[in-house]
Protein backbone atom coordinates (compact mmCIF):
# COMPACT_ATOMS: atom_id res chain seq x y z
CA MET A 1 -51.43 20.73 -81.41
CA TYR A 2 -49.96 21.98 -84.16
CA ALA A 3 -46.97 20.49 -86.02
CA GLN A 4 -43.98 22.95 -85.98
CA ARG A 5 -42.69 23.56 -89.66
CA GLY A 6 -39.20 25.78 -90.59
CA PHE A 7 -36.81 27.28 -87.98
CA THR A 8 -37.12 29.74 -85.21
CA LEU A 9 -35.62 33.09 -85.35
CA VAL A 10 -33.16 31.74 -82.33
CA GLU A 11 -32.43 29.02 -84.87
CA VAL A 12 -31.86 31.18 -87.70
CA MET A 13 -29.45 33.26 -85.32
CA VAL A 14 -27.25 30.72 -83.82
CA ALA A 15 -26.71 29.01 -87.46
CA MET A 16 -25.59 32.44 -88.83
CA VAL A 17 -23.17 32.74 -85.91
CA ILE A 18 -21.51 29.68 -86.30
CA LEU A 19 -21.20 30.40 -90.10
CA THR A 20 -19.89 33.96 -89.33
CA ILE A 21 -17.03 32.12 -87.04
CA MET A 22 -16.31 29.41 -89.64
CA PHE A 23 -16.07 32.27 -92.62
CA LEU A 24 -13.77 34.23 -90.34
CA ALA A 25 -11.27 31.06 -89.54
CA LEU A 26 -11.07 30.41 -93.05
CA THR A 27 -10.44 34.20 -94.03
CA ASN A 28 -7.89 33.92 -91.31
CA LEU A 29 -6.11 30.53 -92.64
CA GLN A 30 -6.08 32.10 -96.73
CA ILE A 31 -4.17 35.22 -95.21
CA VAL A 32 -1.70 32.77 -93.61
CA ALA A 33 -1.54 31.14 -96.91
CA ILE A 34 -0.93 34.13 -98.86
CA LYS A 35 1.66 35.34 -96.27
CA ALA A 36 3.46 31.39 -96.66
CA VAL A 37 3.41 31.88 -100.44
CA GLU A 38 5.24 34.93 -100.32
CA TYR A 39 7.46 33.93 -97.83
CA GLY A 40 8.33 30.73 -100.05
CA ARG A 41 8.46 32.89 -103.12
CA ARG A 42 11.65 34.98 -101.47
CA PHE A 43 13.47 31.50 -100.07
CA SER A 44 13.07 30.09 -103.59
CA VAL A 45 14.76 33.09 -105.35
CA ALA A 46 17.24 33.02 -102.80
CA GLU A 47 18.32 29.47 -103.60
CA LYS A 48 18.72 30.33 -107.02
CA ILE A 49 20.63 33.24 -106.90
CA LEU A 50 22.89 31.24 -104.11
CA THR A 51 23.43 28.41 -106.73
CA ALA A 52 23.76 30.47 -109.73
CA GLU A 53 26.50 32.71 -107.91
CA ALA A 54 28.29 29.34 -106.48
CA GLU A 55 28.47 28.01 -109.36
CA PHE A 56 29.87 31.03 -111.32
CA ILE A 57 32.27 31.48 -109.06
CA SER A 58 33.61 27.96 -108.97
CA THR A 59 34.22 28.49 -112.40
CA GLN A 60 36.15 31.29 -111.93
CA GLY A 61 39.28 29.27 -110.20
CA TYR A 62 41.11 29.55 -107.35
CA ASP A 63 43.32 32.27 -108.30
CA ASN A 64 40.68 34.85 -108.98
CA VAL A 65 39.00 33.83 -105.58
CA ALA A 66 42.13 34.02 -103.79
CA GLN A 67 43.23 37.23 -105.56
CA ASN A 68 40.12 38.83 -104.58
CA ASN A 69 39.25 39.34 -108.51
CA ILE A 70 35.69 37.77 -108.34
CA ALA A 71 32.92 39.01 -110.64
CA SER A 72 28.98 38.13 -110.38
CA GLN A 73 27.07 36.28 -112.66
CA MET A 74 24.56 39.22 -111.85
CA GLY A 75 26.29 41.80 -113.45
CA ASN A 76 27.83 43.20 -109.83
CA ASN A 77 31.11 42.98 -108.89
CA TYR A 78 31.54 41.81 -105.04
CA TYR A 79 32.67 44.93 -102.63
CA SER A 80 35.32 44.49 -100.16
CA SER A 81 32.98 46.74 -97.89
CA TYR A 82 29.37 46.65 -96.92
CA ASP A 83 29.60 50.44 -96.84
CA GLN A 84 29.96 50.16 -100.68
CA LEU A 85 26.36 48.95 -101.33
CA GLU A 86 23.56 51.41 -101.77
CA ASN A 87 21.36 52.40 -99.14
CA ASN A 88 18.24 50.47 -100.32
CA TYR A 89 20.42 47.42 -99.60
CA LYS A 90 22.03 48.34 -96.06
CA PHE A 91 19.67 46.10 -93.54
CA LEU A 92 22.08 44.14 -92.06
CA THR A 93 23.31 44.53 -88.56
CA GLN A 94 26.48 44.73 -87.22
CA GLU A 95 27.04 41.14 -86.75
CA GLN A 96 25.54 39.74 -89.84
CA GLN A 97 28.46 42.19 -91.38
CA GLN A 98 31.21 40.50 -89.55
CA CYS A 99 33.31 38.08 -91.66
CA GLY A 100 34.06 35.42 -88.94
CA GLN A 101 37.40 34.20 -87.40
CA GLU A 102 37.53 31.34 -89.96
CA TYR A 103 37.43 33.64 -93.07
CA GLU A 104 40.02 35.45 -94.19
CA ARG A 105 38.18 38.40 -95.87
CA CYS A 106 34.19 39.02 -96.88
CA LEU A 107 33.03 40.54 -99.74
CA PHE A 108 29.54 41.91 -100.18
CA ASN A 109 27.11 42.17 -103.14
CA GLN A 110 23.66 43.21 -104.03
CA VAL A 111 21.30 42.06 -105.89
CA GLU A 112 17.79 43.25 -107.57
CA VAL A 113 15.48 40.86 -108.69
CA GLU A 114 12.31 42.49 -110.76
CA ARG A 115 9.16 40.85 -109.96
CA GLN A 116 6.15 40.88 -112.86
CA TRP A 117 3.98 43.11 -113.34
CA GLN A 118 0.48 42.80 -111.86
CA LYS A 119 -2.91 43.56 -112.98
CA ASP A 120 -5.57 45.25 -110.90
CA GLN A 121 -9.51 45.12 -111.16
CA ASP A 122 -9.36 47.70 -113.72
CA GLN A 123 -6.92 45.83 -115.74
CA GLN A 124 -4.07 48.36 -114.88
CA ASP A 125 -0.93 47.19 -115.12
CA HIS A 126 1.03 47.73 -111.86
CA LYS A 127 4.80 47.17 -111.02
CA LEU A 128 5.74 45.18 -107.85
CA PRO A 129 8.55 46.43 -106.05
CA PRO A 130 11.54 44.05 -106.61
CA TYR A 131 13.44 41.90 -103.88
CA ARG A 132 16.72 42.99 -102.66
CA TYR A 133 19.57 40.65 -101.72
CA VAL A 134 22.81 41.37 -99.79
CA LEU A 135 25.32 38.68 -100.89
CA LYS A 136 28.54 38.12 -98.60
CA LEU A 137 30.83 35.99 -99.75
CA GLY A 138 33.07 34.66 -96.74
CA VAL A 139 36.47 33.37 -98.38
CA ASP A 140 38.94 30.74 -96.64
CA THR A 141 42.19 29.90 -98.63
CA ASP A 142 43.97 28.00 -96.28
CA TYR A 143 41.37 25.50 -95.06
CA LEU A 144 42.56 22.64 -93.67
CA GLY A 145 46.20 23.92 -94.32
CA ILE A 146 45.36 22.85 -97.84
CA THR A 147 46.90 25.33 -100.28
CA ASN A 148 45.30 24.86 -103.44
CA LEU A 149 41.49 24.73 -101.63
CA ALA A 150 39.29 27.26 -101.08
CA ARG A 151 36.36 27.20 -98.93
CA CYS A 152 33.53 29.96 -99.47
CA GLN A 153 30.54 30.45 -97.88
CA LEU A 154 28.17 32.37 -99.66
CA THR A 155 25.11 34.06 -97.43
CA ALA A 156 22.12 35.64 -98.92
CA TYR A 157 20.07 37.89 -96.95
CA TRP A 158 16.78 39.47 -97.29
CA GLN A 159 14.23 41.77 -95.54
CA TYR A 160 10.37 40.48 -95.50
CA ARG A 161 7.84 41.73 -92.82
CA GLY A 162 10.19 43.85 -90.83
CA LYS A 163 12.61 40.73 -90.39
CA THR A 164 15.80 40.35 -92.07
CA HIS A 165 15.97 36.39 -93.12
CA GLN A 166 19.00 34.58 -94.39
CA MET A 167 20.19 31.35 -96.52
CA THR A 168 23.86 30.11 -96.38
CA LEU A 169 25.46 27.83 -99.14
CA VAL A 170 29.00 26.84 -98.51
CA PHE A 171 30.98 25.10 -101.73
CA PHE A 172 34.87 25.05 -102.32
CA VAL A 173 37.16 26.16 -105.02
CA ARG A 174 40.22 24.20 -106.05
CA LYS A 175 43.31 25.02 -107.89
CA GLN A 176 43.18 23.32 -111.44
């Protein structure tokens, strides 16, 4: 008998099928990783916005918070009504627009975060669409009956892949 050398056509075809399945699984894993990175990036931006805004509002003092005289570090003033926001920012449900029983009032702000330019294969610059966030600030100036302490709840809302996501930060502003 002759000694068998090489691979048969069936063995090669089975190996190709196995490699194709592995390649598709890795491709799917890469797509999931890209989506997770993009969501994480938006989450991180929301966290930075909330932290900066809460710090800025805290520095304005209790009197400005209590009298509804709140500016924004982002350059926009807070609006007393959600309807005053631009149309690009009107994606909240009726429930998300509500203030909640524990807060006397809610104020709304819109934040647009510019993104960096991206080069395509031909080295042409393409501007990426900005991230858009709606900020809702709930204010309770009678927290626990303490007259010189205001509890503030700042929530950032954003849309990603057709769903509205949110992150909330609660902080206190006291009278000096």
